Amino acid sequence: MDSKKTYLPIFKDIGISSVLCWLSCLAMAVAIYMVFLYAPTEETMGVVQRIFYFHVSSAWIAFLAFFLVMAASIAYLMTGNVRWDIWAYASAEIGTLFCTLVLLTGPLWAKPVWNTWWTWDMRLTTTLILWLMYLGYLMLRANLEGERSAKYAAVFGIIAFLDVPFVYFSIRWWRTLHPAPVIAGKAGSGLAPEMLIALLVSLFTFMCLFVYLLQHRVMVAWMERDLNQIRQTVVEQSTQYGVLIENQDFIIEEYDFQEYKRS
């Protein structure tokens, strides 16, 4: 098997990965400073409002990841190119991670303000449904294999994204306990300039982290695909020649991981 025929060279230079890593670390340090020292304390909610910067950034990145799942799934169904399936799978895993952060930071923010960890508010309910749908997507990928898994997951990933607009517009369409939008909201809404800058820095930080994680997850997915094909080849050859192989992993002891850093 020639891995060069299947590998999508996303990052041609290994230095780009290092730059993304260091940029993410530096941005995190700046974001922490902006959130806890630069941005003023909100008058009504107090210090707990600072969770807002991480909560909102996680939600926006989750939406972006799920959009990529939908777009890559459509591309896969149209072209049958496995690279789009790998993009969709990787984005779904990372999007689910960020959506989990949303569901964790939300109750931490809600408890001091609403005096409850959870309420079946429309924004919270639709977000939980979104998380469960993409968790189902990952379970589908884990329990099916091959082209069948890719096609079923692609259809499911497209359908699951339909919940994203409901999550976003829920606080506009229904009366909810969730705070009103502070960006592109009604007259009188908005953030103080310092708060807006802190939010944008936090969003940039989460974006850098997302791109870094996505790059590595896509690379790992290609490795997994190649290794599975190698194992399948070994099994087929052992069956053909009547050889019993108890351990198929011996052939990857010197697997060339740098192959995935070259075009």
Protein backbone atom coordinates (compact mmCIF):
# COMPACT_ATOMS: atom_id res chain seq x y z
CA MET A 1 0.00 0.00 0.00
CA ASP A 2 1.29 3.44 -0.93
CA SER A 3 0.35 5.91 1.79
CA LYS A 4 1.32 8.80 -0.48
CA LYS A 5 -1.71 8.05 -2.63
CA THR A 6 -4.11 8.44 0.28
CA TYR A 7 -2.52 11.05 2.50
CA LEU A 8 -3.75 14.61 2.19
CA PRO A 9 -0.73 16.92 2.79
CA ILE A 10 -2.44 19.48 5.01
CA PHE A 11 0.73 20.92 6.47
CA LYS A 12 3.79 20.54 4.25
CA ASP A 13 6.24 21.82 6.82
CA ILE A 14 6.56 20.37 10.29
CA GLY A 15 7.39 23.88 11.49
CA ILE A 16 3.78 24.97 10.97
CA SER A 17 2.66 22.51 13.63
CA SER A 18 5.21 23.92 16.05
CA VAL A 19 4.13 27.47 15.26
CA LEU A 20 0.50 26.57 15.95
CA CYS A 21 1.47 24.96 19.25
CA TRP A 22 3.48 27.93 20.46
CA LEU A 23 0.91 30.39 19.16
CA SER A 24 -1.82 28.58 21.08
CA CYS A 25 0.23 28.60 24.28
CA LEU A 26 1.07 32.28 23.92
CA ALA A 27 -2.52 33.18 23.10
CA MET A 28 -3.71 31.25 26.17
CA ALA A 29 -1.41 33.24 28.42
CA VAL A 30 -2.62 36.52 26.89
CA ALA A 31 -6.25 35.43 27.11
CA ILE A 32 -5.94 34.56 30.80
CA TYR A 33 -4.46 37.99 31.46
CA MET A 34 -7.19 39.72 29.46
CA VAL A 35 -10.01 37.78 31.13
CA PHE A 36 -8.89 38.00 34.75
CA LEU A 37 -6.91 41.25 34.88
CA TYR A 38 -7.73 43.47 31.90
CA ALA A 39 -11.51 43.08 31.56
CA PRO A 40 -13.56 44.90 34.22
CA THR A 41 -15.79 43.01 36.64
CA GLU A 42 -19.43 42.94 35.56
CA GLU A 43 -21.59 44.96 37.95
CA THR A 44 -24.53 42.57 38.30
CA MET A 45 -23.01 39.08 38.21
CA GLY A 46 -19.59 39.89 39.58
CA VAL A 47 -16.51 37.73 39.14
CA VAL A 48 -18.43 34.67 37.97
CA GLN A 49 -19.24 36.51 34.74
CA ARG A 50 -15.63 35.95 33.64
CA ILE A 51 -16.62 32.37 32.73
CA PHE A 52 -18.49 34.04 29.88
CA TYR A 53 -15.29 34.51 27.84
CA PHE A 54 -14.51 30.78 27.85
CA HIS A 55 -18.15 29.70 27.58
CA VAL A 56 -18.95 31.77 24.50
CA SER A 57 -15.64 31.01 22.77
CA SER A 58 -16.19 27.28 23.25
CA ALA A 59 -19.69 27.55 21.77
CA TRP A 60 -18.55 29.46 18.69
CA ILE A 61 -15.74 26.98 18.00
CA ALA A 62 -18.15 24.07 18.47
CA PHE A 63 -20.48 25.64 15.89
CA LEU A 64 -17.54 26.06 13.50
CA ALA A 65 -16.47 22.45 13.96
CA PHE A 66 -19.99 21.16 13.33
CA PHE A 67 -20.25 23.33 10.23
CA LEU A 68 -17.07 21.70 8.95
CA VAL A 69 -18.60 18.29 9.66
CA MET A 70 -21.61 19.19 7.52
CA ALA A 71 -19.56 20.71 4.70
CA ALA A 72 -17.07 17.82 4.61
CA SER A 73 -19.91 15.28 4.76
CA ILE A 74 -21.62 16.86 1.77
CA ALA A 75 -18.31 16.88 -0.11
CA TYR A 76 -17.75 13.20 0.73
CA LEU A 77 -21.21 12.16 -0.48
CA MET A 78 -20.68 14.10 -3.71
CA THR A 79 -17.12 12.97 -4.48
CA GLY A 80 -16.55 9.78 -2.48
CA ASN A 81 -13.09 11.11 -1.60
CA VAL A 82 -11.97 9.68 1.73
CA ARG A 83 -10.15 12.89 2.67
CA TRP A 84 -13.49 14.61 3.27
CA ASP A 85 -14.66 11.77 5.49
CA ILE A 86 -11.53 12.13 7.60
CA TRP A 87 -12.04 15.88 7.89
CA ALA A 88 -15.63 15.33 9.00
CA TYR A 89 -14.68 12.69 11.57
CA ALA A 90 -11.87 14.80 13.03
CA SER A 91 -14.05 17.93 13.21
CA ALA A 92 -16.85 15.99 14.90
CA GLU A 93 -14.55 14.75 17.65
CA ILE A 94 -13.10 18.18 18.37
CA GLY A 95 -16.49 19.89 18.07
CA THR A 96 -17.93 17.46 20.61
CA LEU A 97 -15.05 18.31 22.93
CA PHE A 98 -15.77 22.04 22.73
CA CYS A 99 -19.51 21.44 23.08
CA THR A 100 -18.73 19.49 26.26
CA LEU A 101 -16.85 22.53 27.55
CA VAL A 102 -19.96 24.61 26.85
CA LEU A 103 -22.11 22.27 28.91
CA LEU A 104 -19.57 22.27 31.75
CA THR A 105 -18.92 26.01 31.95
CA GLY A 106 -22.61 26.89 31.56
CA PRO A 107 -23.75 25.37 34.89
CA LEU A 108 -20.72 26.85 36.67
CA TRP A 109 -21.90 30.25 35.48
CA ALA A 110 -25.59 29.54 36.08
CA LYS A 111 -25.41 28.33 39.68
CA PRO A 112 -24.47 31.66 41.33
CA VAL A 113 -26.75 33.63 38.98
CA TRP A 114 -29.85 31.42 38.64
CA ASN A 115 -29.34 29.53 41.92
CA THR A 116 -29.53 26.24 40.01
CA TRP A 117 -27.08 24.12 38.07
CA TRP A 118 -29.49 23.30 35.27
CA THR A 119 -32.88 24.32 33.97
CA TRP A 120 -34.71 23.09 30.90
CA ASP A 121 -34.31 26.45 29.25
CA MET A 122 -34.64 26.32 25.45
CA ARG A 123 -31.00 27.34 24.87
CA LEU A 124 -29.73 24.72 27.31
CA THR A 125 -32.04 22.02 26.00
CA THR A 126 -31.14 22.52 22.35
CA THR A 127 -27.44 22.58 23.23
CA LEU A 128 -27.78 19.29 25.11
CA ILE A 129 -29.58 17.79 22.11
CA LEU A 130 -26.76 19.01 19.85
CA TRP A 131 -24.17 17.37 22.09
CA LEU A 132 -26.12 14.10 22.19
CA MET A 133 -26.49 14.06 18.40
CA TYR A 134 -22.77 14.39 17.78
CA LEU A 135 -22.07 11.90 20.53
CA GLY A 136 -24.32 9.58 18.54
CA TYR A 137 -22.29 10.43 15.44
CA LEU A 138 -19.12 9.28 17.18
CA MET A 139 -20.82 6.12 18.45
CA LEU A 140 -21.94 5.38 14.89
CA ARG A 141 -18.38 5.73 13.64
CA ALA A 142 -17.11 3.47 16.42
CA ASN A 143 -19.56 0.65 15.70
CA LEU A 144 -19.46 0.56 11.90
CA GLU A 145 -16.52 0.15 9.58
CA GLY A 146 -15.51 1.00 6.05
CA GLU A 147 -17.51 2.84 3.42
CA ARG A 148 -20.79 1.98 5.12
CA SER A 149 -19.70 3.81 8.27
CA ALA A 150 -18.55 6.85 6.29
CA LYS A 151 -21.81 7.18 4.32
CA TYR A 152 -24.12 6.70 7.29
CA ALA A 153 -22.07 9.14 9.37
CA ALA A 154 -22.05 11.72 6.57
CA VAL A 155 -25.85 11.70 6.37
CA PHE A 156 -26.12 11.85 10.15
CA GLY A 157 -23.59 14.70 10.36
CA ILE A 158 -25.60 16.77 7.88
CA ILE A 159 -28.86 16.19 9.76
CA ALA A 160 -27.28 16.91 13.15
CA PHE A 161 -26.12 20.35 12.02
CA LEU A 162 -29.76 21.40 11.58
CA ASP A 163 -29.91 21.84 15.35
CA VAL A 164 -27.19 24.52 15.34
CA PRO A 165 -29.53 27.33 14.11
CA PHE A 166 -32.03 26.35 16.81
CA VAL A 167 -29.31 26.67 19.45
CA TYR A 168 -28.15 30.04 18.13
CA PHE A 169 -31.59 31.63 17.63
CA SER A 170 -33.29 30.06 20.65
CA ILE A 171 -32.79 33.14 22.82
CA ARG A 172 -34.32 35.27 20.05
CA TRP A 173 -37.25 32.99 19.22
CA TRP A 174 -38.30 32.05 22.76
CA ARG A 175 -38.32 33.67 26.18
CA THR A 176 -35.47 32.10 28.09
CA LEU A 177 -33.46 32.53 31.27
CA HIS A 178 -30.30 32.57 29.22
CA PRO A 179 -28.73 36.04 28.90
CA ALA A 180 -29.67 38.00 25.78
CA PRO A 181 -27.06 38.21 23.01
CA VAL A 182 -24.44 40.87 23.63
CA ILE A 183 -23.22 40.88 20.02
CA ALA A 184 -25.73 41.70 17.26
CA GLY A 185 -28.41 41.90 19.92
CA LYS A 186 -31.16 44.41 20.63
CA ALA A 187 -30.65 48.10 21.25
CA GLY A 188 -28.92 48.69 24.55
CA SER A 189 -27.13 45.34 24.51
CA GLY A 190 -23.42 45.00 24.04
CA LEU A 191 -20.15 44.77 25.88
CA ALA A 192 -17.82 47.37 27.32
CA PRO A 193 -14.84 47.90 24.97
CA GLU A 194 -12.47 46.12 27.36
CA MET A 195 -14.84 43.15 27.63
CA LEU A 196 -15.20 42.93 23.86
CA ILE A 197 -11.43 42.92 23.38
CA ALA A 198 -11.06 40.18 26.00
CA LEU A 199 -13.76 38.13 24.24
CA LEU A 200 -12.08 38.49 20.85
CA VAL A 201 -8.70 37.48 22.30
CA SER A 202 -10.31 34.46 23.94
CA LEU A 203 -12.02 33.54 20.67
CA PHE A 204 -8.72 33.82 18.78
CA THR A 205 -7.08 31.57 21.38
CA PHE A 206 -9.73 28.89 21.03
CA MET A 207 -9.48 29.16 17.26
CA CYS A 208 -5.72 28.53 17.36
CA LEU A 209 -6.28 25.56 19.65
CA PHE A 210 -8.96 24.18 17.34
CA VAL A 211 -6.75 24.41 14.24
CA TYR A 212 -3.86 22.78 16.11
CA LEU A 213 -6.01 19.89 17.37
CA LEU A 214 -7.66 19.45 13.98
CA GLN A 215 -4.32 19.20 12.21
CA HIS A 216 -3.11 16.49 14.55
CA ARG A 217 -6.38 14.57 14.56
CA VAL A 218 -6.47 14.46 10.76
CA MET A 219 -2.88 13.24 10.68
CA VAL A 220 -3.66 10.51 13.22
CA ALA A 221 -6.74 9.48 11.24
CA TRP A 222 -4.59 8.94 8.12
CA MET A 223 -2.15 6.89 10.17
CA GLU A 224 -4.98 4.75 11.56
CA ARG A 225 -6.31 4.20 8.05
CA ASP A 226 -2.92 3.11 6.73
CA LEU A 227 -2.28 0.79 9.67
CA ASN A 228 -5.67 -0.85 9.30
CA GLN A 229 -4.94 -1.49 5.64
CA ILE A 230 -1.56 -2.98 6.57
CA ARG A 231 -3.18 -5.30 9.12
CA GLN A 232 -5.81 -6.35 6.59
CA THR A 233 -3.12 -7.10 4.04
CA VAL A 234 -1.19 -9.21 6.56
CA VAL A 235 -4.30 -11.20 7.45
CA GLU A 236 -5.16 -11.80 3.79
CA GLN A 237 -1.63 -12.93 2.97
CA SER A 238 -1.43 -15.16 6.05
CA THR A 239 -4.69 -16.80 5.01
CA GLN A 240 -3.53 -17.21 1.43
CA TYR A 241 -0.24 -18.86 2.37
CA GLY A 242 -1.53 -20.74 5.40
CA VAL A 243 0.56 -18.79 7.91
CA LEU A 244 -0.80 -18.09 11.40
CA ILE A 245 0.11 -14.59 12.64
CA GLU A 246 -0.70 -14.05 16.30
CA ASN A 247 0.60 -10.48 16.47
CA GLN A 248 -0.02 -8.25 13.47
CA ASP A 249 1.58 -5.18 15.04
CA PHE A 250 5.17 -6.32 14.63
CA ILE A 251 5.29 -4.76 11.18
CA ILE A 252 4.81 -1.22 12.48
CA GLU A 253 7.66 -1.09 14.98
CA GLU A 254 9.52 1.37 12.72
CA TYR A 255 6.49 3.15 11.27
CA ASP A 256 7.65 6.35 9.58
CA PHE A 257 5.55 9.08 11.22
CA GLN A 258 7.52 11.73 9.39
CA GLU A 259 5.88 10.48 6.20
CA TYR A 260 2.84 12.47 7.28
CA LYS A 261 4.79 15.69 7.45
CA ARG A 262 5.89 15.52 3.83
CA SER A 263 3.87 16.18 0.75
